[in-house]
C-alpha atoms as a PDB file:
ATOM      1  CA  MET A   1      -2.182  -5.915   3.159  1.00  0.00           C
ATOM      2  CA  LEU A   2      -0.545  -8.626   1.080  1.00  0.00           C
ATOM      3  CA  THR A   3       0.297  -8.073  -2.575  1.00  0.00           C
ATOM      4  CA  ASN A   4       1.785 -10.269  -5.262  1.00  0.00           C
ATOM      5  CA  LYS A   5       4.978  -9.336  -7.099  1.00  0.00           C
ATOM      6  CA  ALA A   6       2.940  -7.173  -9.508  1.00  0.00           C
ATOM      7  CA  GLN A   7       1.766  -5.311  -6.381  1.00  0.00           C
ATOM      8  CA  GLU A   8      -1.845  -6.420  -6.869  1.00  0.00           C
ATOM      9  CA  ILE A   9      -3.638  -6.796  -3.538  1.00  0.00           C
ATOM     10  CA  ILE A  10      -4.444 -10.416  -2.714  1.00  0.00           C
ATOM     11  CA  TRP A  11      -5.452  -9.963   0.948  1.00  0.00           C
ATOM     12  CA  VAL A  12      -6.370  -7.227   3.419  1.00  0.00           C
ATOM     13  CA  ASN A  13      -7.305  -7.556   7.072  1.00  0.00           C
ATOM     14  CA  ASP A  14     -10.570  -6.477   8.696  1.00  0.00           C
ATOM     15  CA  GLY A  15      -9.111  -3.103   9.692  1.00  0.00           C
ATOM     16  CA  PHE A  16      -8.673  -2.124   6.035  1.00  0.00           C
ATOM     17  CA  LYS A  17     -12.348  -1.175   5.594  1.00  0.00           C
ATOM     18  CA  LYS A  18     -12.349   0.779   8.850  1.00  0.00           C
ATOM     19  CA  MET A  19      -9.254   2.737   7.793  1.00  0.00           C
ATOM     20  CA  THR A  20     -10.146   3.281   4.109  1.00  0.00           C
ATOM     21  CA  GLY A  21     -13.894   2.754   3.715  1.00  0.00           C
ATOM     22  CA  PHE A  22     -13.222   0.242   0.904  1.00  0.00           C
ATOM     23  CA  SER A  23     -14.339  -3.374   1.226  1.00  0.00           C
ATOM     24  CA  LYS A  24     -11.983  -6.318   0.938  1.00  0.00           C
ATOM     25  CA  LYS A  25     -13.802  -7.395  -2.216  1.00  0.00           C
ATOM     26  CA  TYR A  26     -13.236  -3.994  -3.830  1.00  0.00           C
ATOM     27  CA  ALA A  27      -9.514  -3.918  -2.970  1.00  0.00           C
ATOM     28  CA  ILE A  28      -8.607  -7.394  -4.219  1.00  0.00           C
ATOM     29  CA  ASN A  29      -6.685  -7.365  -7.538  1.00  0.00           C
ATOM     30  CA  LYS A  30      -6.091  -3.609  -7.390  1.00  0.00           C
ATOM     31  CA  THR A  31      -2.737  -2.011  -6.615  1.00  0.00           C
ATOM     32  CA  PRO A  32      -2.494   0.128  -3.469  1.00  0.00           C
ATOM     33  CA  THR A  33      -2.161   3.208  -5.691  1.00  0.00           C
ATOM     34  CA  PHE A  34      -5.968   3.315  -5.923  1.00  0.00           C
ATOM     35  CA  LEU A  35      -5.791   4.868  -2.440  1.00  0.00           C
ATOM     36  CA  GLN A  36      -3.715   7.792  -3.713  1.00  0.00           C
ATOM     37  CA  GLY A  37      -5.117  11.005  -5.143  1.00  0.00           C
ATOM     38  CA  ASP A  38      -4.509  14.506  -6.394  1.00  0.00           C
ATOM     39  CA  ASN A  39      -2.522  15.664  -3.372  1.00  0.00           C
ATOM     40  CA  THR A  40      -0.442  12.527  -2.930  1.00  0.00           C
ATOM     41  CA  CYS A  41       3.136  13.731  -3.296  1.00  0.00           C
ATOM     42  CA  GLU A  42       4.775  12.612  -6.549  1.00  0.00           C
ATOM     43  CA  GLU A  43       8.160  12.593  -4.796  1.00  0.00           C
ATOM     44  CA  THR A  44       6.773  10.147  -2.231  1.00  0.00           C
ATOM     45  CA  ARG A  45       5.384   7.947  -5.005  1.00  0.00           C
ATOM     46  CA  ALA A  46       8.782   7.976  -6.728  1.00  0.00           C
ATOM     47  CA  ARG A  47      10.583   7.060  -3.480  1.00  0.00           C
ATOM     48  CA  ILE A  48       8.209   4.139  -2.937  1.00  0.00           C
ATOM     49  CA  ARG A  49       8.768   2.869  -6.498  1.00  0.00           C
ATOM     50  CA  LYS A  50      12.543   3.162  -6.068  1.00  0.00           C
ATOM     51  CA  LYS A  51      12.461   1.342  -2.730  1.00  0.00           C
ATOM     52  CA  LEU A  52      10.319  -1.467  -4.182  1.00  0.00           C
ATOM     53  CA  ILE A  53      12.873  -1.907  -6.974  1.00  0.00           C
ATOM     54  CA  ALA A  54      15.650  -2.064  -4.362  1.00  0.00           C
ATOM     55  CA  ASN A  55      13.755  -5.028  -2.881  1.00  0.00           C
ATOM     56  CA  LYS A  56      14.567  -4.140   0.734  1.00  0.00           C
ATOM     57  CA  PRO A  57      12.208  -3.492   3.669  1.00  0.00           C
ATOM     58  CA  PHE A  58      11.310   0.168   4.103  1.00  0.00           C
ATOM     59  CA  GLU A  59       9.029   2.679   5.810  1.00  0.00           C
ATOM     60  CA  GLU A  60       7.298   5.654   4.231  1.00  0.00           C
ATOM     61  CA  THR A  61       4.426   8.010   5.009  1.00  0.00           C
ATOM     62  CA  VAL A  62       2.011   8.685   2.171  1.00  0.00           C
ATOM     63  CA  LEU A  63      -1.128  10.774   1.777  1.00  0.00           C
ATOM     64  CA  ASN A  64      -3.974   8.417   0.877  1.00  0.00           C
ATOM     65  CA  TYR A  65      -7.697   8.905   0.392  1.00  0.00           C
ATOM     66  CA  LYS A  66     -10.659   7.068   1.890  1.00  0.00           C
ATOM     67  CA  LYS A  67     -13.649   5.981  -0.160  1.00  0.00           C
ATOM     68  CA  ASP A  68     -15.452   9.195   0.876  1.00  0.00           C
ATOM     69  CA  LYS A  69     -12.471  11.215  -0.530  1.00  0.00           C
ATOM     70  CA  THR A  70     -11.215  12.176   2.947  1.00  0.00           C
ATOM     71  CA  ALA A  71      -7.416  12.440   2.959  1.00  0.00           C
ATOM     72  CA  TYR A  72      -5.370  10.710   5.637  1.00  0.00           C
ATOM     73  CA  LYS A  73      -1.670  10.194   6.250  1.00  0.00           C
ATOM     74  CA  CYS A  74      -0.698   6.554   6.205  1.00  0.00           C
ATOM     75  CA  GLU A  75       2.521   5.134   7.597  1.00  0.00           C
ATOM     76  CA  ILE A  76       3.489   2.057   5.620  1.00  0.00           C
ATOM     77  CA  LYS A  77       6.110  -0.556   6.388  1.00  0.00           C
ATOM     78  CA  ILE A  78       6.776  -2.825   3.420  1.00  0.00           C
ATOM     79  CA  PHE A  79       8.613  -6.130   3.553  1.00  0.00           C
ATOM     80  CA  PRO A  80       9.472  -8.167   0.443  1.00  0.00           C
ATOM     81  CA  LEU A  81       8.731 -11.878   0.960  1.00  0.00           C
ATOM     82  CA  SER A  82      11.137 -14.231  -0.758  1.00  0.00           C
ATOM     83  CA  ILE A  83      13.171 -17.386  -0.724  1.00  0.00           C
ATOM     84  CA  ARG A  84      15.282 -16.836  -3.838  1.00  0.00           C
ATOM     85  CA  ASN A  85      13.196 -14.212  -5.620  1.00  0.00           C
ATOM     86  CA  THR A  86      10.541 -11.894  -4.253  1.00  0.00           C
ATOM     87  CA  THR A  87       7.089 -13.366  -4.733  1.00  0.00           C
ATOM     88  CA  HIS A  88       4.953 -11.067  -2.560  1.00  0.00           C
ATOM     89  CA  TYR A  89       5.055  -7.941  -0.415  1.00  0.00           C
ATOM     90  CA  ILE A  90       3.463  -7.483   2.969  1.00  0.00           C
ATOM     91  CA  ALA A  91       2.546  -3.932   3.964  1.00  0.00           C
ATOM     92  CA  LEU A  92       1.692  -2.909   7.486  1.00  0.00           C
ATOM     93  CA  GLU A  93      -0.272   0.314   7.491  1.00  0.00           C
ATOM     94  CA  LYS A  94      -1.653   2.682  10.065  1.00  0.00           C
ATOM     95  CA  ALA A  95      -3.221   6.108   9.883  1.00  0.00           C
ATOM     96  CA  VAL A  96      -1.021   8.746  11.499  1.00  0.00           C
END
């Protein structure tokens, strides 16, 4: 997944639909939070927000939801992309 600085998705790979059930077209321009749901831990969400503000690479495991509402744990590795200022984030994700 590739997002812009506002964390809006601008690209996902072919495995995204297999993992989430959502099409590329549906995901574009949304933030990855659309994958979260009622049982996604608020503490995890807060840690992710804090780490994004710190603008350093990090790993986290989050409870996400597929299109069919099935929950799955997702390990994410996020890397800010920048020269002088961060312009995008790349997130590598896998179901665990």
